[in-house]
Amino acid sequence: MLTHLSIKQFAVVDSAELEFGPGMTVISGETGAGKSLLVDALGLICGLRADSGVVRHGADRAELSAGFALVDAPLARAWLHDNDLDEDEACQIRRVIRADGGSRAWINGRPATVGQLTELSARLVEIHGQHEQQALLSRPSQLALLDAFGRTDAERAAVAEAARRWSALLRERESLSAQGDVSDRIDWLEHQFAELEREELEPAALEQLGADHRRQAHAADLIAACDEALAQLAGDELPSPVGTIEQIRGALQRMNEHEPRLGEVDAMLDAAAIQLDEAQVLLDRIRSDLDIDPGAFQTLEQRLGRLHELARKHRVPPDQLLARREAIAAELDGLRGAGERLHKLDAEIESARQAWRRAADALGTRRRKAADALSAETTALIAELGMGAGRFEVAVEAVEEDRPDPQGAERVEFLVAANPGQPARSLRKVASGGELSRVSLAIEVATLGLDAVPTMVFDEVDSGIGGAVADIVGRKLRALGARRQVLCVTHLPQVAAQGHAHYRVSKAASEGVTQSAVQSLSAGQREEELARMLGGVEMTREARAAAKRLLADVG
């Protein structure tokens, strides 16, 4: 529930503070006083697009803020929690619009985007204005309103999902069909695959090939190095390392009894001698494996050359050739199976079409049931609103679709017959301004309460209505106020009298500058305001008496 609204430097409003309670609050004032500015300010707080024109002339910025109690707003509480913006059982939204056109927003003191304002406010406030009467003339808007009335969320979601599946299969078939004859592509890929298949491309094989090539390329140097090392270890020309170590050990062992630590040195030398013997054996084995083989080297060179040539052809490093071969194999499998896949796709597409049709039929059944109920309720309401012979109908027309439509298989149009004996015709063609206002209000009353939004704002939706009909409108809005918080900007005294609370907007010129002010009215002031609304400029005794009767009738 909206608890307060603060407006500073906004349009012709210098400063205004409004407090709101439950029930129905009405806002009245002379034409041009700025009654609807309060709704405009609330709309900006709710995320509507802002421009610098809303900033009061001479000010550098406009500041707007609204407070909400969340006891009756579970969806808003959940949203705030999910976005880490919750704070107790209340919510404060603030928006600043600068004269240069920029704006900033905060939710519970933390910076917020306009998108977040829109998401949160959709769970807090529902604004109904005269522009919505024009929206009623749009067939997509009429379909959306019927779906909301019929609570078709589950059915619409099923239709949308079935349409998505059907569309995906159609796109796949179109893509495969667009490939045309792929035999040349298959032949080329098979040739490339055969080239790659002839080579060993596994990482271990490539690593072994490189090692073998390096060994053959440096075979002569390796043989010479091994022979020289073996000669030195064997002591062909100089004393061998092992012999030298044995001589050193013998000399130290004779001194061991005088210095026990020499035993540790002897053990180290013994281990070194063993290591040298093992190194000589391994070196001899390596030398035996080495051989200068020009034929083997040429074979290795050719293998490496083929790998590098393939790498250049496929524009990948040699170590990526295996992945390339696997990719070609996968593409070949796909192309070879394209014909079979096309055949299967036809069956899958037909199955998806039938699934969409079943979902669309279920949605259509729900829509037609909702259309009958909305027609009956709205017809009854427009009769109460002074169109006793009027008739409202929701026409649901089946449309044959050969392509998936996420909206379903129906088109909807609102029809109205203003006079008896006349056929119902399109609302956008036959309704006058007054009739459109009454039908719009009737539809809004019939469809209210379909969601959990706790606050509803009506901005002069009673335009074009007067007399006894205005009294009925006011009573219906007051009855709605027993279930939801209602704010109503009105020019009708019969509607204003039904309010649980009443604000008056007035304007005055000071030093050539027009300013609007907002005042909460006491019981006596309400009577004066209603008399003004009834009598115009002349505040007659009759107008005051009529105002008193209006308030008395409300009780």
Protein backbone atom coordinates (compact mmCIF):
# COMPACT_ATOMS: atom_id res chain seq x y z
CA MET A 1 0.00 0.00 0.00
CA LEU A 2 1.22 3.48 -0.87
CA THR A 3 1.77 5.39 2.38
CA HIS A 4 3.24 8.71 1.26
CA LEU A 5 4.26 10.66 -1.82
CA SER A 6 6.78 13.52 -1.81
CA ILE A 7 7.17 15.90 -4.77
CA LYS A 8 9.71 18.73 -5.05
CA GLN A 9 10.39 21.08 -7.97
CA PHE A 10 8.21 19.02 -10.30
CA ALA A 11 6.48 20.86 -13.18
CA VAL A 12 4.37 23.59 -11.49
CA VAL A 13 4.60 21.96 -8.06
CA ASP A 14 7.15 23.57 -5.77
CA SER A 15 6.72 21.10 -2.93
CA ALA A 16 4.00 18.67 -1.88
CA GLU A 17 3.74 15.96 0.75
CA LEU A 18 0.81 13.54 0.65
CA GLU A 19 -0.06 10.80 3.13
CA PHE A 20 -2.28 7.89 2.09
CA GLY A 21 -4.25 5.28 3.98
CA PRO A 22 -6.39 2.32 2.99
CA GLY A 23 -9.62 2.68 1.08
CA MET A 24 -10.38 5.21 -1.65
CA THR A 25 -8.58 8.55 -1.84
CA VAL A 26 -9.84 11.12 -4.33
CA ILE A 27 -7.93 14.02 -5.84
CA SER A 28 -9.85 16.94 -7.32
CA GLY A 29 -9.18 20.48 -8.45
CA GLU A 30 -9.94 23.04 -11.10
CA THR A 31 -9.11 22.33 -14.71
CA GLY A 32 -5.40 23.00 -15.27
CA ALA A 33 -4.57 22.97 -11.57
CA GLY A 34 -2.32 19.94 -12.01
CA LYS A 35 -4.39 17.08 -10.60
CA SER A 36 -2.82 14.54 -12.92
CA LEU A 37 0.69 15.72 -12.03
CA LEU A 38 0.45 13.58 -8.92
CA VAL A 39 -0.20 10.53 -11.09
CA ASP A 40 2.60 11.60 -13.44
CA ALA A 41 5.00 11.85 -10.51
CA LEU A 42 4.00 8.40 -9.30
CA GLY A 43 4.46 7.08 -12.83
CA LEU A 44 8.04 8.40 -12.93
CA ILE A 45 8.73 6.81 -9.55
CA CYS A 46 7.44 3.59 -11.10
CA GLY A 47 10.01 3.78 -13.91
CA LEU A 48 8.37 5.74 -16.72
CA ARG A 49 10.74 7.56 -19.05
CA ALA A 50 11.69 11.02 -17.82
CA ASP A 51 12.92 14.16 -19.58
CA SER A 52 14.16 17.52 -18.40
CA GLY A 53 10.76 19.11 -19.15
CA VAL A 54 9.37 17.77 -15.86
CA VAL A 55 11.82 19.86 -13.81
CA ARG A 56 10.28 23.06 -12.48
CA HIS A 57 11.43 26.15 -14.36
CA GLY A 58 14.48 27.66 -12.68
CA ALA A 59 15.28 24.53 -10.61
CA ASP A 60 18.25 22.27 -11.24
CA ARG A 61 16.40 19.05 -10.46
CA ALA A 62 13.10 17.46 -9.46
CA GLU A 63 12.96 15.06 -6.52
CA LEU A 64 10.24 12.43 -6.22
CA SER A 65 9.84 9.75 -3.57
CA ALA A 66 7.20 7.28 -2.46
CA GLY A 67 6.86 5.02 0.55
CA PHE A 68 5.05 1.68 0.57
CA ALA A 69 3.93 -0.65 3.32
CA LEU A 70 4.52 -4.24 2.20
CA VAL A 71 2.10 -6.15 4.43
CA ASP A 72 -0.29 -6.58 1.48
CA ALA A 73 2.42 -6.91 -1.20
CA PRO A 74 3.96 -10.41 -1.03
CA LEU A 75 5.22 -10.29 -4.62
CA ALA A 76 7.05 -7.02 -3.95
CA ARG A 77 8.57 -8.45 -0.75
CA ALA A 78 9.82 -11.49 -2.66
CA TRP A 79 11.29 -9.31 -5.43
CA LEU A 80 13.12 -7.09 -2.92
CA HIS A 81 14.51 -10.15 -1.17
CA ASP A 82 15.69 -11.75 -4.42
CA ASN A 83 17.45 -8.51 -5.42
CA ASP A 84 19.02 -7.91 -1.96
CA LEU A 85 17.06 -4.66 -1.57
CA ASP A 86 14.70 -5.64 1.23
CA GLU A 87 14.43 -3.68 4.46
CA ASP A 88 11.84 -4.64 7.08
CA GLU A 89 8.19 -4.39 5.99
CA ALA A 90 8.49 -1.08 4.16
CA CYS A 91 9.91 0.16 0.88
CA GLN A 92 11.14 3.61 -0.11
CA ILE A 93 11.61 4.52 -3.78
CA ARG A 94 13.32 7.79 -4.71
CA ARG A 95 14.05 9.31 -8.10
CA VAL A 96 15.91 12.50 -9.01
CA ILE A 97 15.57 14.02 -12.50
CA ARG A 98 18.10 16.69 -13.43
CA ALA A 99 17.46 19.70 -15.62
CA ASP A 100 20.07 18.39 -18.08
CA GLY A 101 17.90 15.29 -18.67
CA GLY A 102 19.78 12.78 -16.53
CA SER A 103 18.18 10.85 -13.70
CA ARG A 104 19.09 8.58 -10.79
CA ALA A 105 17.02 6.23 -8.66
CA TRP A 106 17.25 4.50 -5.30
CA ILE A 107 15.34 1.64 -3.67
CA ASN A 108 15.59 1.59 0.11
CA GLY A 109 18.56 3.95 -0.11
CA ARG A 110 20.53 1.79 -2.54
CA PRO A 111 21.15 2.80 -6.19
CA ALA A 112 18.74 1.18 -8.65
CA THR A 113 18.18 1.11 -12.40
CA VAL A 114 15.03 2.30 -14.13
CA GLY A 115 14.45 -1.32 -15.12
CA GLN A 116 14.44 -2.31 -11.46
CA LEU A 117 11.96 0.47 -10.68
CA THR A 118 9.68 -0.89 -13.40
CA GLU A 119 9.92 -4.48 -12.16
CA LEU A 120 9.29 -3.55 -8.52
CA SER A 121 6.48 -1.05 -9.17
CA ALA A 122 4.61 -3.60 -11.30
CA ARG A 123 4.20 -5.52 -8.03
CA LEU A 124 3.09 -2.41 -6.09
CA VAL A 125 1.00 -0.07 -8.27
CA GLU A 126 -1.39 -0.39 -11.20
CA ILE A 127 -2.12 2.90 -12.99
CA HIS A 128 -5.27 3.23 -15.12
CA GLY A 129 -5.44 6.35 -17.25
CA GLN A 130 -7.35 7.72 -20.21
CA HIS A 131 -4.61 6.42 -22.50
CA GLU A 132 -5.74 2.90 -21.59
CA GLN A 133 -9.03 3.57 -23.32
CA GLN A 134 -7.08 3.89 -26.54
CA ALA A 135 -5.12 0.73 -25.70
CA LEU A 136 -8.46 -1.09 -25.57
CA LEU A 137 -8.81 -0.43 -29.30
CA SER A 138 -5.72 -2.51 -30.04
CA ARG A 139 -6.45 -6.15 -30.82
CA PRO A 140 -3.19 -7.41 -29.23
CA SER A 141 -4.13 -5.49 -26.06
CA GLN A 142 -7.60 -7.02 -26.17
CA LEU A 143 -6.09 -10.51 -26.43
CA ALA A 144 -3.75 -9.82 -23.52
CA LEU A 145 -6.64 -8.53 -21.40
CA LEU A 146 -8.79 -11.58 -22.19
CA ASP A 147 -5.91 -13.90 -21.26
CA ALA A 148 -5.45 -12.06 -17.98
CA PHE A 149 -9.17 -12.32 -17.26
CA GLY A 150 -9.20 -16.03 -18.11
CA ARG A 151 -5.99 -16.73 -16.16
CA THR A 152 -4.52 -18.62 -19.10
CA ASP A 153 -0.88 -18.39 -18.02
CA ALA A 154 -0.29 -22.17 -18.01
CA GLU A 155 -2.00 -22.71 -21.37
CA ARG A 156 -0.18 -19.79 -23.01
CA ALA A 157 3.17 -21.09 -21.71
CA ALA A 158 2.42 -24.54 -23.17
CA VAL A 159 1.53 -23.01 -26.56
CA ALA A 160 4.67 -20.87 -26.57
CA GLU A 161 6.88 -23.88 -25.75
CA ALA A 162 5.22 -26.03 -28.42
CA ALA A 163 5.69 -23.20 -30.94
CA ARG A 164 9.37 -22.89 -29.98
CA ARG A 165 9.92 -26.62 -30.56
CA TRP A 166 8.05 -26.58 -33.88
CA SER A 167 9.99 -23.50 -35.06
CA ALA A 168 13.35 -25.08 -34.16
CA LEU A 169 12.57 -28.18 -36.23
CA LEU A 170 11.42 -26.09 -39.18
CA ARG A 171 14.65 -24.07 -39.06
CA GLU A 172 16.70 -27.29 -38.96
CA ARG A 173 14.89 -28.65 -42.01
CA GLU A 174 15.35 -25.38 -43.89
CA SER A 175 19.05 -25.41 -43.04
CA LEU A 176 19.51 -28.98 -44.28
CA SER A 177 17.46 -28.35 -47.40
CA ALA A 178 19.52 -25.25 -48.18
CA GLN A 179 22.65 -27.40 -48.40
CA GLY A 180 21.35 -28.93 -51.63
CA ASP A 181 23.50 -31.69 -53.24
CA VAL A 182 26.37 -32.37 -50.84
CA SER A 183 28.01 -35.23 -52.80
CA ASP A 184 30.93 -33.03 -53.94
CA ARG A 185 31.50 -31.91 -50.36
CA ILE A 186 31.44 -35.51 -49.17
CA ASP A 187 33.97 -36.57 -51.84
CA TRP A 188 36.34 -33.77 -50.88
CA LEU A 189 36.07 -34.50 -47.17
CA GLU A 190 36.64 -38.22 -47.75
CA HIS A 191 39.83 -37.37 -49.65
CA GLN A 192 41.05 -35.15 -46.82
CA PHE A 193 40.13 -37.75 -44.22
CA ALA A 194 42.01 -40.49 -46.12
CA GLU A 195 45.15 -38.32 -46.20
CA LEU A 196 44.99 -37.76 -42.48
CA GLU A 197 44.03 -41.39 -41.76
CA ARG A 198 47.31 -42.61 -43.33
CA GLU A 199 49.36 -40.81 -40.70
CA GLU A 200 49.89 -41.61 -37.04
CA LEU A 201 48.65 -38.45 -35.39
CA GLU A 202 48.31 -39.47 -31.75
CA PRO A 203 50.37 -37.29 -29.36
CA ALA A 204 52.62 -40.22 -28.31
CA ALA A 205 53.36 -41.10 -31.94
CA LEU A 206 54.21 -37.50 -32.83
CA GLU A 207 56.51 -37.24 -29.80
CA GLN A 208 58.30 -40.50 -30.74
CA LEU A 209 58.71 -39.35 -34.34
CA GLY A 210 60.37 -36.15 -33.19
CA ALA A 211 62.73 -38.00 -30.86
CA ASP A 212 63.70 -40.55 -33.55
CA HIS A 213 64.35 -37.76 -36.04
CA ARG A 214 66.56 -35.86 -33.64
CA ARG A 215 68.54 -39.05 -32.83
CA GLN A 216 69.19 -39.84 -36.50
CA ALA A 217 70.00 -36.22 -37.33
CA HIS A 218 72.72 -36.19 -34.66
CA ALA A 219 73.75 -39.89 -34.91
CA ALA A 220 77.43 -39.22 -35.80
CA ASP A 221 77.90 -36.78 -32.94
CA LEU A 222 76.15 -39.13 -30.53
CA ILE A 223 78.36 -42.11 -31.55
CA ALA A 224 81.53 -40.07 -31.16
CA ALA A 225 80.50 -38.77 -27.76
CA CYS A 226 79.60 -42.25 -26.52
CA ASP A 227 82.88 -43.79 -27.82
CA GLU A 228 84.97 -41.06 -26.16
CA ALA A 229 83.12 -41.46 -22.87
CA LEU A 230 83.48 -45.26 -22.93
CA ALA A 231 87.19 -44.99 -23.66
CA GLN A 232 87.70 -42.69 -20.71
CA LEU A 233 85.66 -44.90 -18.38
CA ALA A 234 87.60 -47.98 -19.52
CA GLY A 235 90.99 -46.23 -19.07
CA ASP A 236 92.32 -46.98 -22.54
CA GLU A 237 94.81 -44.10 -22.42
CA LEU A 238 94.52 -42.67 -18.91
CA PRO A 239 93.73 -44.41 -15.62
CA SER A 240 90.05 -45.26 -15.47
CA PRO A 241 87.88 -43.37 -12.98
CA VAL A 242 86.98 -46.63 -11.25
CA GLY A 243 90.66 -47.60 -10.87
CA THR A 244 91.48 -44.19 -9.47
CA ILE A 245 88.65 -44.50 -6.94
CA GLU A 246 89.94 -47.95 -5.83
CA GLN A 247 93.42 -46.54 -5.26
CA ILE A 248 92.01 -43.70 -3.17
CA ARG A 249 89.91 -46.14 -1.12
CA GLY A 250 92.93 -48.34 -0.40
CA ALA A 251 94.97 -45.39 0.87
CA LEU A 252 92.15 -44.11 3.05
CA GLN A 253 91.29 -47.54 4.47
CA ARG A 254 94.81 -47.76 5.94
CA MET A 255 94.13 -44.54 7.84
CA ASN A 256 90.62 -45.45 8.91
CA GLU A 257 91.64 -46.62 12.38
CA HIS A 258 93.02 -43.17 13.12
CA GLU A 259 90.00 -41.24 11.85
CA PRO A 260 86.63 -43.07 11.99
CA ARG A 261 84.95 -40.52 9.73
CA LEU A 262 87.04 -41.80 6.82
CA GLY A 263 84.71 -44.78 6.82
CA GLU A 264 81.91 -42.55 5.60
CA VAL A 265 84.15 -41.28 2.80
CA ASP A 266 85.00 -44.87 1.84
CA ALA A 267 81.30 -45.74 1.62
CA MET A 268 80.63 -42.75 -0.63
CA LEU A 269 83.54 -43.70 -2.91
CA ASP A 270 82.28 -47.27 -3.08
CA ALA A 271 78.82 -46.01 -4.16
CA ALA A 272 80.44 -43.75 -6.74
CA ALA A 273 82.35 -46.67 -8.19
CA ILE A 274 79.12 -48.68 -8.44
CA GLN A 275 77.39 -45.72 -10.19
CA LEU A 276 80.27 -45.44 -12.65
CA ASP A 277 80.05 -49.14 -13.45
CA GLU A 278 76.28 -48.84 -14.07
CA ALA A 279 76.77 -45.70 -16.14
CA GLN A 280 79.35 -47.54 -18.28
CA VAL A 281 76.96 -50.46 -18.85
CA LEU A 282 74.09 -48.11 -19.86
CA LEU A 283 76.39 -46.04 -22.08
CA ASP A 284 77.59 -49.19 -23.82
CA ARG A 285 73.97 -50.25 -24.42
CA ILE A 286 73.13 -46.82 -25.87
CA ARG A 287 76.18 -46.99 -28.10
CA SER A 288 75.11 -50.38 -29.38
CA ASP A 289 71.70 -48.96 -30.33
CA LEU A 290 73.24 -46.09 -32.28
CA ASP A 291 73.80 -46.52 -35.98
CA ILE A 292 74.07 -44.13 -38.89
CA ASP A 293 71.23 -45.24 -41.20
CA PRO A 294 70.68 -42.82 -44.12
CA GLY A 295 67.60 -44.79 -45.23
CA ALA A 296 65.91 -44.57 -41.83
CA PHE A 297 66.74 -40.86 -41.60
CA GLN A 298 65.22 -40.23 -45.03
CA THR A 299 62.07 -42.11 -44.00
CA LEU A 300 61.77 -39.96 -40.86
CA GLU A 301 62.35 -36.79 -42.91
CA GLN A 302 59.57 -37.79 -45.30
CA ARG A 303 57.13 -38.49 -42.49
CA LEU A 304 57.83 -35.11 -40.90
CA GLY A 305 57.51 -33.40 -44.27
CA ARG A 306 54.09 -34.96 -44.87
CA LEU A 307 52.91 -33.85 -41.45
CA HIS A 308 54.03 -30.26 -42.00
CA GLU A 309 52.46 -30.24 -45.46
CA LEU A 310 49.15 -31.46 -44.01
CA ALA A 311 49.39 -28.86 -41.26
CA ARG A 312 49.81 -26.10 -43.86
CA LYS A 313 46.92 -27.46 -45.94
CA HIS A 314 44.55 -27.50 -42.97
CA ARG A 315 46.00 -24.32 -41.44
CA VAL A 316 46.61 -25.87 -38.04
CA PRO A 317 49.75 -26.80 -36.05
CA PRO A 318 50.86 -30.44 -36.52
CA ASP A 319 49.66 -31.35 -33.03
CA GLN A 320 46.12 -30.23 -34.04
CA LEU A 321 45.85 -32.54 -37.05
CA LEU A 322 44.22 -35.28 -35.00
CA ALA A 323 41.46 -32.88 -33.89
CA ARG A 324 41.03 -31.79 -37.51
CA ARG A 325 40.64 -35.42 -38.61
CA GLU A 326 37.99 -35.99 -35.97
CA ALA A 327 36.14 -32.82 -37.06
CA ILE A 328 36.13 -34.00 -40.68
CA ALA A 329 34.83 -37.40 -39.57
CA ALA A 330 32.01 -35.71 -37.62
CA GLU A 331 31.05 -33.53 -40.61
CA LEU A 332 31.06 -36.55 -42.88
CA ASP A 333 28.75 -38.38 -40.51
CA GLY A 334 26.42 -35.39 -40.48
CA LEU A 335 26.38 -35.03 -44.27
CA ARG A 336 25.94 -38.74 -44.90
CA GLY A 337 23.02 -38.72 -42.46
CA ALA A 338 21.42 -35.56 -43.88
CA GLY A 339 18.98 -37.45 -46.06
CA GLU A 340 17.99 -39.76 -43.25
CA ARG A 341 17.70 -36.77 -40.88
CA LEU A 342 15.45 -34.95 -43.37
CA HIS A 343 13.18 -37.97 -43.47
CA LYS A 344 13.05 -38.12 -39.66
CA LEU A 345 12.52 -34.37 -39.46
CA ASP A 346 9.32 -34.56 -41.43
CA ALA A 347 7.90 -36.96 -38.86
CA GLU A 348 9.17 -34.85 -35.95
CA ILE A 349 7.76 -31.66 -37.46
CA GLU A 350 4.37 -33.26 -37.88
CA SER A 351 4.48 -34.46 -34.27
CA ALA A 352 5.47 -30.96 -33.09
CA ARG A 353 2.67 -29.42 -35.15
CA GLN A 354 0.14 -31.74 -33.57
CA ALA A 355 1.52 -30.96 -30.09
CA TRP A 356 1.16 -27.23 -30.81
CA ARG A 357 -2.38 -27.81 -32.08
CA ARG A 358 -3.36 -29.68 -28.92
CA ALA A 359 -1.91 -26.92 -26.73
CA ALA A 360 -3.55 -24.24 -28.90
CA ASP A 361 -6.91 -26.02 -28.71
CA ALA A 362 -6.69 -26.13 -24.91
CA LEU A 363 -5.86 -22.42 -24.85
CA GLY A 364 -8.69 -21.66 -27.28
CA THR A 365 -11.20 -23.51 -25.11
CA ARG A 366 -10.08 -21.51 -22.09
CA ARG A 367 -10.26 -18.26 -24.06
CA ARG A 368 -13.78 -18.89 -25.34
CA LYS A 369 -14.98 -19.66 -21.83
CA ALA A 370 -13.34 -16.47 -20.56
CA ALA A 371 -14.81 -14.50 -23.48
CA ASP A 372 -18.35 -15.58 -22.54
CA ALA A 373 -17.80 -14.60 -18.91
CA LEU A 374 -16.17 -11.25 -19.73
CA SER A 375 -18.93 -10.46 -22.23
CA ALA A 376 -21.64 -11.12 -19.67
CA GLU A 377 -19.96 -9.23 -16.83
CA THR A 378 -19.09 -6.21 -18.97
CA THR A 379 -22.58 -6.07 -20.52
CA ALA A 380 -24.08 -6.02 -17.04
CA LEU A 381 -21.69 -3.27 -15.94
CA ILE A 382 -22.25 -1.00 -18.96
CA ALA A 383 -25.98 -1.30 -18.30
CA GLU A 384 -25.35 0.03 -14.80
CA LEU A 385 -23.22 2.80 -16.32
CA GLY A 386 -26.09 4.19 -18.39
CA MET A 387 -25.96 1.99 -21.48
CA GLY A 388 -28.98 -0.11 -20.52
CA ALA A 389 -29.61 -1.39 -24.03
CA GLY A 390 -25.93 -1.81 -24.80
CA ARG A 391 -24.29 -5.15 -25.38
CA PHE A 392 -20.62 -6.06 -25.15
CA GLU A 393 -19.14 -9.10 -26.85
CA VAL A 394 -15.70 -10.66 -27.05
CA ALA A 395 -15.37 -12.28 -30.47
CA VAL A 396 -12.88 -15.15 -30.59
CA GLU A 397 -12.00 -16.01 -34.18
CA ALA A 398 -10.08 -19.18 -35.01
CA VAL A 399 -7.17 -18.68 -37.40
CA GLU A 400 -5.67 -21.55 -39.36
CA GLU A 401 -1.92 -21.51 -39.00
CA ASP A 402 0.64 -23.44 -41.02
CA ARG A 403 3.47 -21.86 -39.02
CA PRO A 404 3.89 -21.94 -35.24
CA ASP A 405 2.34 -18.96 -33.48
CA PRO A 406 3.31 -18.57 -29.80
CA GLN A 407 0.10 -16.55 -29.27
CA GLY A 408 -2.16 -19.45 -30.18
CA ALA A 409 -4.73 -20.07 -32.90
CA GLU A 410 -7.19 -17.27 -32.15
CA ARG A 411 -7.57 -13.60 -32.76
CA VAL A 412 -9.75 -11.57 -30.43
CA GLU A 413 -11.81 -8.44 -31.00
CA PHE A 414 -14.02 -6.47 -28.63
CA LEU A 415 -17.44 -5.67 -30.08
CA VAL A 416 -20.18 -3.39 -28.81
CA ALA A 417 -23.77 -2.63 -29.75
CA ALA A 418 -24.82 0.68 -28.21
CA ASN A 419 -28.49 0.39 -29.16
CA PRO A 420 -31.01 -2.47 -29.30
CA GLY A 421 -31.51 -4.17 -32.62
CA GLN A 422 -28.07 -3.23 -33.86
CA PRO A 423 -25.42 -5.85 -34.59
CA ALA A 424 -22.32 -5.71 -32.44
CA ARG A 425 -19.51 -3.97 -34.27
CA SER A 426 -15.85 -3.35 -33.55
CA LEU A 427 -15.31 -1.18 -30.49
CA ARG A 428 -12.87 1.04 -32.36
CA LYS A 429 -15.45 1.81 -35.05
CA VAL A 430 -18.65 2.53 -33.16
CA ALA A 431 -17.85 3.86 -29.69
CA SER A 432 -18.12 7.58 -29.07
CA GLY A 433 -15.89 9.22 -26.50
CA GLY A 434 -18.47 8.84 -23.74
CA GLU A 435 -19.34 5.30 -24.71
CA LEU A 436 -15.69 4.34 -24.89
CA SER A 437 -15.15 5.75 -21.40
CA ARG A 438 -18.04 3.71 -20.00
CA VAL A 439 -17.01 0.52 -21.78
CA SER A 440 -13.41 1.04 -20.69
CA LEU A 441 -14.40 1.55 -17.07
CA ALA A 442 -16.72 -1.47 -17.19
CA ILE A 443 -13.95 -3.68 -18.55
CA GLU A 444 -11.52 -2.39 -15.95
CA VAL A 445 -14.00 -3.10 -13.15
CA ALA A 446 -14.70 -6.57 -14.57
CA THR A 447 -11.02 -7.43 -14.81
CA LEU A 448 -9.79 -5.85 -11.60
CA GLY A 449 -8.41 -8.02 -8.85
CA LEU A 450 -6.75 -10.48 -11.23
CA ASP A 451 -3.35 -9.95 -9.65
CA ALA A 452 -1.84 -9.22 -6.25
CA VAL A 453 -1.07 -5.51 -6.86
CA PRO A 454 -2.29 -3.69 -3.73
CA THR A 455 -2.65 -0.12 -5.08
CA MET A 456 -4.75 1.01 -8.05
CA VAL A 457 -4.65 4.51 -9.49
CA PHE A 458 -7.40 5.90 -11.74
CA ASP A 459 -6.58 9.09 -13.64
CA GLU A 460 -9.86 10.62 -14.83
CA VAL A 461 -11.16 7.36 -16.27
CA ASP A 462 -14.63 8.78 -15.60
CA SER A 463 -14.24 11.32 -18.38
CA GLY A 464 -17.42 11.71 -20.44
CA ILE A 465 -19.65 10.38 -17.65
CA GLY A 466 -22.10 12.36 -15.53
CA GLY A 467 -25.37 12.35 -13.62
CA ALA A 468 -26.65 9.14 -12.09
CA VAL A 469 -23.99 7.14 -13.95
CA ALA A 470 -21.29 9.10 -12.15
CA ASP A 471 -22.82 8.08 -8.84
CA ILE A 472 -22.69 4.42 -9.86
CA VAL A 473 -19.04 4.79 -10.94
CA GLY A 474 -18.17 6.36 -7.62
CA ARG A 475 -19.90 3.59 -5.66
CA LYS A 476 -18.07 0.89 -7.61
CA LEU A 477 -14.72 2.56 -7.01
CA ARG A 478 -15.52 2.88 -3.30
CA ALA A 479 -16.47 -0.81 -3.19
CA LEU A 480 -13.19 -1.61 -4.84
CA GLY A 481 -11.51 0.46 -2.12
CA ALA A 482 -12.77 -2.05 0.43
CA ARG A 483 -10.50 -4.67 -1.18
CA ARG A 484 -7.64 -2.58 -2.56
CA GLN A 485 -6.15 0.84 -2.00
CA VAL A 486 -7.68 3.14 -4.64
CA LEU A 487 -6.43 6.58 -5.73
CA CYS A 488 -8.76 8.41 -8.09
CA VAL A 489 -8.19 11.72 -9.89
CA THR A 490 -11.68 12.96 -10.77
CA HIS A 491 -13.69 15.99 -11.86
CA LEU A 492 -17.01 14.46 -10.84
CA PRO A 493 -18.50 15.41 -7.45
CA GLN A 494 -20.48 12.15 -7.35
CA VAL A 495 -17.20 10.21 -7.55
CA ALA A 496 -15.31 12.53 -5.21
CA ALA A 497 -17.99 12.17 -2.54
CA GLN A 498 -17.36 8.42 -2.37
CA GLY A 499 -13.75 8.84 -1.23
CA HIS A 500 -12.58 7.86 2.23
CA ALA A 501 -10.06 10.72 1.98
CA HIS A 502 -9.89 13.77 -0.26
CA TYR A 503 -7.06 15.98 -1.61
CA ARG A 504 -7.60 19.22 -3.50
CA VAL A 505 -5.08 20.59 -6.00
CA SER A 506 -5.17 24.34 -6.55
CA LYS A 507 -3.05 26.77 -8.51
CA ALA A 508 -2.08 30.38 -7.99
CA ALA A 509 0.21 32.89 -9.67
CA SER A 510 2.94 34.52 -7.59
CA GLU A 511 5.17 37.13 -9.22
CA GLY A 512 4.16 35.88 -12.64
CA VAL A 513 4.94 32.23 -11.81
CA THR A 514 2.16 29.61 -11.60
CA GLN A 515 2.34 27.25 -8.66
CA SER A 516 0.19 24.27 -7.68
CA ALA A 517 -0.49 23.29 -4.10
CA VAL A 518 -2.05 20.14 -2.61
CA GLN A 519 -4.27 20.25 0.47
CA SER A 520 -5.82 17.45 2.52
CA LEU A 521 -9.47 18.37 3.10
CA SER A 522 -11.39 18.19 6.34
CA ALA A 523 -15.08 17.27 6.36
CA GLY A 524 -16.14 20.92 6.04
CA GLN A 525 -13.61 21.61 3.32
CA ARG A 526 -14.80 18.54 1.40
CA GLU A 527 -18.31 19.96 1.41
CA GLU A 528 -17.02 23.25 0.00
CA GLU A 529 -15.00 21.43 -2.68
CA LEU A 530 -17.96 19.31 -3.75
CA ALA A 531 -20.12 22.45 -3.91
CA ARG A 532 -17.52 24.05 -6.15
CA MET A 533 -17.47 20.97 -8.37
CA LEU A 534 -21.28 21.04 -8.56
CA GLY A 535 -21.81 24.75 -9.03
CA GLY A 536 -18.73 25.93 -10.86
CA VAL A 537 -17.71 29.54 -10.23
CA GLU A 538 -20.94 30.43 -8.40
CA MET A 539 -20.98 28.86 -4.91
CA THR A 540 -24.76 28.78 -4.51
CA ARG A 541 -26.83 27.64 -1.59
CA GLU A 542 -28.24 24.90 -3.78
CA ALA A 543 -24.73 23.64 -4.62
CA ARG A 544 -23.83 23.50 -0.92
CA ALA A 545 -27.02 21.64 -0.12
CA ALA A 546 -26.38 19.17 -2.92
CA ALA A 547 -22.84 18.64 -1.70
CA LYS A 548 -24.10 17.94 1.81
CA ARG A 549 -26.58 15.41 0.43
CA LEU A 550 -23.85 13.63 -1.55
CA LEU A 551 -21.74 13.19 1.57
CA ALA A 552 -24.77 12.14 3.63
CA ASP A 553 -25.74 9.51 1.07
CA VAL A 554 -22.28 7.95 1.38
CA GLY A 555 -22.77 7.72 5.13
